Amino acid sequence: MIHFLSPNMNLDGLLYLIIAIMFGPAIILTIIGVAVLKKNKKAAKILFILAAVYVIVSLGICGALIAG
């Protein structure tokens, strides 16, 4: 019988995936915001706000998943 959660199981990939979900889109939004900053300051400001809100929400949801 296969044990799905054996004590010797390596779950590093799952942790990396959760961290990528937590911070990946926020980093991408921030990079796009920096790129747009010179042409359209209002759009860049909105992208920065979206990135901050995404980080706050993802830390709450994914942090709860990691904490158990």
Protein backbone atom coordinates (compact mmCIF):
# COMPACT_ATOMS: atom_id res chain seq x y z
CA MET A 1 0.00 0.00 0.00
CA ILE A 2 1.29 3.45 -0.90
CA HIS A 3 1.38 6.04 1.86
CA PHE A 4 0.70 9.48 0.44
CA LEU A 5 2.07 11.43 3.41
CA SER A 6 4.92 9.33 4.68
CA PRO A 7 7.36 10.88 7.20
CA ASN A 8 10.22 10.76 4.69
CA MET A 9 8.33 12.60 1.94
CA ASN A 10 9.96 15.72 0.48
CA LEU A 11 7.45 18.57 0.08
CA ASP A 12 9.89 21.33 -0.94
CA GLY A 13 8.28 21.69 -4.38
CA LEU A 14 4.88 22.34 -2.82
CA LEU A 15 6.34 25.03 -0.58
CA TYR A 16 8.03 26.71 -3.56
CA LEU A 17 4.75 26.63 -5.47
CA ILE A 18 2.84 28.28 -2.62
CA ILE A 19 5.51 30.99 -2.28
CA ALA A 20 5.39 31.60 -6.05
CA ILE A 21 1.61 31.99 -5.86
CA MET A 22 2.00 34.37 -2.93
CA PHE A 23 4.55 36.74 -4.46
CA GLY A 24 4.72 36.03 -8.21
CA PRO A 25 1.79 38.09 -9.51
CA ALA A 26 2.61 40.97 -7.15
CA ILE A 27 6.18 41.13 -8.47
CA ILE A 28 4.91 41.06 -12.06
CA LEU A 29 2.40 43.85 -11.33
CA THR A 30 5.16 45.93 -9.73
CA ILE A 31 7.47 45.46 -12.73
CA ILE A 32 4.68 46.48 -15.12
CA GLY A 33 3.93 49.48 -12.89
CA VAL A 34 7.55 50.62 -13.04
CA ALA A 35 7.53 50.24 -16.82
CA VAL A 36 4.32 52.28 -17.19
CA LEU A 37 5.31 54.93 -14.62
CA LYS A 38 6.81 57.42 -17.09
CA LYS A 39 3.92 57.34 -19.57
CA ASN A 40 0.90 57.08 -17.28
CA LYS A 41 1.34 57.78 -13.57
CA LYS A 42 -2.28 57.05 -12.69
CA ALA A 43 -2.17 53.56 -14.24
CA ALA A 44 1.15 52.85 -12.50
CA LYS A 45 -0.33 53.92 -9.17
CA ILE A 46 -3.27 51.57 -9.67
CA LEU A 47 -0.91 48.70 -10.50
CA PHE A 48 1.12 49.37 -7.34
CA ILE A 49 -2.05 49.39 -5.25
CA LEU A 50 -3.21 46.12 -6.86
CA ALA A 51 0.18 44.55 -6.11
CA ALA A 52 -0.02 45.62 -2.46
CA VAL A 53 -3.58 44.33 -2.07
CA TYR A 54 -2.63 41.03 -3.73
CA VAL A 55 0.27 40.55 -1.31
CA ILE A 56 -1.95 41.30 1.70
CA VAL A 57 -4.66 38.88 0.56
CA SER A 58 -2.27 36.13 -0.54
CA LEU A 59 -0.32 36.29 2.71
CA GLY A 60 -3.57 35.86 4.57
CA ILE A 61 -4.83 32.93 2.53
CA CYS A 62 -1.56 31.12 1.82
CA GLY A 63 -0.23 31.93 5.28
CA ALA A 64 -3.25 30.21 6.75
CA LEU A 65 -2.60 27.18 4.53
CA ILE A 66 1.05 26.99 5.55
CA ALA A 67 0.30 27.50 9.25
CA GLY A 68 -2.13 24.63 9.20
